[in-house]
Amino acid sequence: MNKTKPLTTGQAAEYCHVSQATIINWIKKGSLKAYTTPGGHHRILLPDFVAFLEEYSIPVDPTLEESLQAQDGGA
């Protein structure tokens, strides 16, 4: 099982330099694949986020996974 935690909308927004509302709009529009937790929060799997970045020609930092884990306290 993959030990990488899914991204929050806040993490995705920070990476893309947009607001959380924009990320949620992209999810609702179907541009960014995500799932909803039982509490109603959206979570984005790293492979889905990378595919989104590539599809829209947003540069992908090669250390993306490591930097996200560092933000999360090292998971």
C-alpha atoms as a PDB file:
ATOM      1  CA  MET A   1       0.000   0.000   0.000  1.00  0.00           C
ATOM      2  CA  ASN A   2       1.232   3.499  -0.850  1.00  0.00           C
ATOM      3  CA  LYS A   3       2.336   5.352   2.281  1.00  0.00           C
ATOM      4  CA  THR A   4       1.986   8.798   0.695  1.00  0.00           C
ATOM      5  CA  LYS A   5      -0.906  10.652   2.264  1.00  0.00           C
ATOM      6  CA  PRO A   6      -3.416  12.229  -0.108  1.00  0.00           C
ATOM      7  CA  LEU A   7      -3.229  15.978  -0.637  1.00  0.00           C
ATOM      8  CA  THR A   8      -5.657  18.368   0.953  1.00  0.00           C
ATOM      9  CA  THR A   9      -7.216  21.132  -1.099  1.00  0.00           C
ATOM     10  CA  GLY A  10      -5.039  23.562   0.847  1.00  0.00           C
ATOM     11  CA  GLN A  11      -1.840  21.771  -0.152  1.00  0.00           C
ATOM     12  CA  ALA A  12      -2.930  21.615  -3.802  1.00  0.00           C
ATOM     13  CA  ALA A  13      -3.896  25.298  -3.728  1.00  0.00           C
ATOM     14  CA  GLU A  14      -0.558  26.308  -2.247  1.00  0.00           C
ATOM     15  CA  TYR A  15       1.341  24.306  -4.868  1.00  0.00           C
ATOM     16  CA  CYS A  16      -0.676  25.813  -7.761  1.00  0.00           C
ATOM     17  CA  HIS A  17      -0.665  29.336  -6.256  1.00  0.00           C
ATOM     18  CA  VAL A  18      -4.458  29.558  -6.282  1.00  0.00           C
ATOM     19  CA  SER A  19      -7.167  29.640  -3.602  1.00  0.00           C
ATOM     20  CA  GLN A  20      -8.766  26.572  -2.042  1.00  0.00           C
ATOM     21  CA  ALA A  21     -12.031  27.672  -3.663  1.00  0.00           C
ATOM     22  CA  THR A  22     -10.370  27.387  -7.070  1.00  0.00           C
ATOM     23  CA  ILE A  23      -9.206  23.842  -6.312  1.00  0.00           C
ATOM     24  CA  ILE A  24     -12.723  22.907  -5.183  1.00  0.00           C
ATOM     25  CA  ASN A  25     -14.144  24.432  -8.377  1.00  0.00           C
ATOM     26  CA  TRP A  26     -11.711  22.352 -10.460  1.00  0.00           C
ATOM     27  CA  ILE A  27     -12.807  19.236  -8.549  1.00  0.00           C
ATOM     28  CA  LYS A  28     -16.521  19.996  -9.026  1.00  0.00           C
ATOM     29  CA  LYS A  29     -15.928  20.733 -12.720  1.00  0.00           C
ATOM     30  CA  GLY A  30     -14.200  17.360 -13.084  1.00  0.00           C
ATOM     31  CA  SER A  31     -10.836  18.794 -14.101  1.00  0.00           C
ATOM     32  CA  LEU A  32      -9.100  17.526 -10.959  1.00  0.00           C
ATOM     33  CA  LYS A  33      -9.890  14.031  -9.715  1.00  0.00           C
ATOM     34  CA  ALA A  34     -10.528  13.774  -5.970  1.00  0.00           C
ATOM     35  CA  TYR A  35     -12.575  11.846  -3.450  1.00  0.00           C
ATOM     36  CA  THR A  36     -14.679  13.095  -0.569  1.00  0.00           C
ATOM     37  CA  THR A  37     -14.137  11.959   3.012  1.00  0.00           C
ATOM     38  CA  PRO A  38     -17.111  11.036   5.209  1.00  0.00           C
ATOM     39  CA  GLY A  39     -16.680  14.477   6.807  1.00  0.00           C
ATOM     40  CA  GLY A  40     -17.174  16.202   3.451  1.00  0.00           C
ATOM     41  CA  HIS A  41     -13.538  17.156   2.782  1.00  0.00           C
ATOM     42  CA  HIS A  42     -11.877  16.583  -0.580  1.00  0.00           C
ATOM     43  CA  ARG A  43      -8.643  14.614  -0.864  1.00  0.00           C
ATOM     44  CA  ILE A  44      -6.449  14.290  -3.944  1.00  0.00           C
ATOM     45  CA  LEU A  45      -4.222  11.293  -4.607  1.00  0.00           C
ATOM     46  CA  LEU A  46      -0.702  12.235  -5.672  1.00  0.00           C
ATOM     47  CA  PRO A  47      -0.832  10.391  -9.041  1.00  0.00           C
ATOM     48  CA  ASP A  48      -4.102  12.200  -9.867  1.00  0.00           C
ATOM     49  CA  PHE A  49      -2.576  15.549  -8.905  1.00  0.00           C
ATOM     50  CA  VAL A  50       0.526  14.936 -11.033  1.00  0.00           C
ATOM     51  CA  ALA A  51      -1.667  13.897 -13.994  1.00  0.00           C
ATOM     52  CA  PHE A  52      -3.645  17.144 -13.573  1.00  0.00           C
ATOM     53  CA  LEU A  53      -0.460  19.216 -13.470  1.00  0.00           C
ATOM     54  CA  GLU A  54       0.870  17.533 -16.602  1.00  0.00           C
ATOM     55  CA  GLU A  55      -2.446  17.857 -18.469  1.00  0.00           C
ATOM     56  CA  TYR A  56      -2.536  21.610 -17.865  1.00  0.00           C
ATOM     57  CA  SER A  57       1.217  22.126 -18.405  1.00  0.00           C
ATOM     58  CA  ILE A  58       1.848  23.165 -14.804  1.00  0.00           C
ATOM     59  CA  PRO A  59       5.482  22.423 -13.910  1.00  0.00           C
ATOM     60  CA  VAL A  60       5.898  19.351 -11.714  1.00  0.00           C
ATOM     61  CA  ASP A  61       8.571  19.687  -9.045  1.00  0.00           C
ATOM     62  CA  PRO A  62      10.576  16.414  -9.040  1.00  0.00           C
ATOM     63  CA  THR A  63      10.642  16.590  -5.227  1.00  0.00           C
ATOM     64  CA  LEU A  64       6.869  17.103  -4.930  1.00  0.00           C
ATOM     65  CA  GLU A  65       6.257  13.951  -2.892  1.00  0.00           C
ATOM     66  CA  GLU A  66       9.094  14.670  -0.454  1.00  0.00           C
ATOM     67  CA  SER A  67       8.062  18.288   0.026  1.00  0.00           C
ATOM     68  CA  LEU A  68       4.465  17.266   0.771  1.00  0.00           C
ATOM     69  CA  GLN A  69       5.641  14.723   3.332  1.00  0.00           C
ATOM     70  CA  ALA A  70       7.816  17.382   4.959  1.00  0.00           C
ATOM     71  CA  GLN A  71       4.788  19.711   5.237  1.00  0.00           C
ATOM     72  CA  ASP A  72       2.925  16.889   6.938  1.00  0.00           C
ATOM     73  CA  GLY A  73       5.653  16.268   9.471  1.00  0.00           C
ATOM     74  CA  GLY A  74       7.374  13.440   7.622  1.00  0.00           C
ATOM     75  CA  ALA A  75       4.397  11.032   7.543  1.00  0.00           C
END
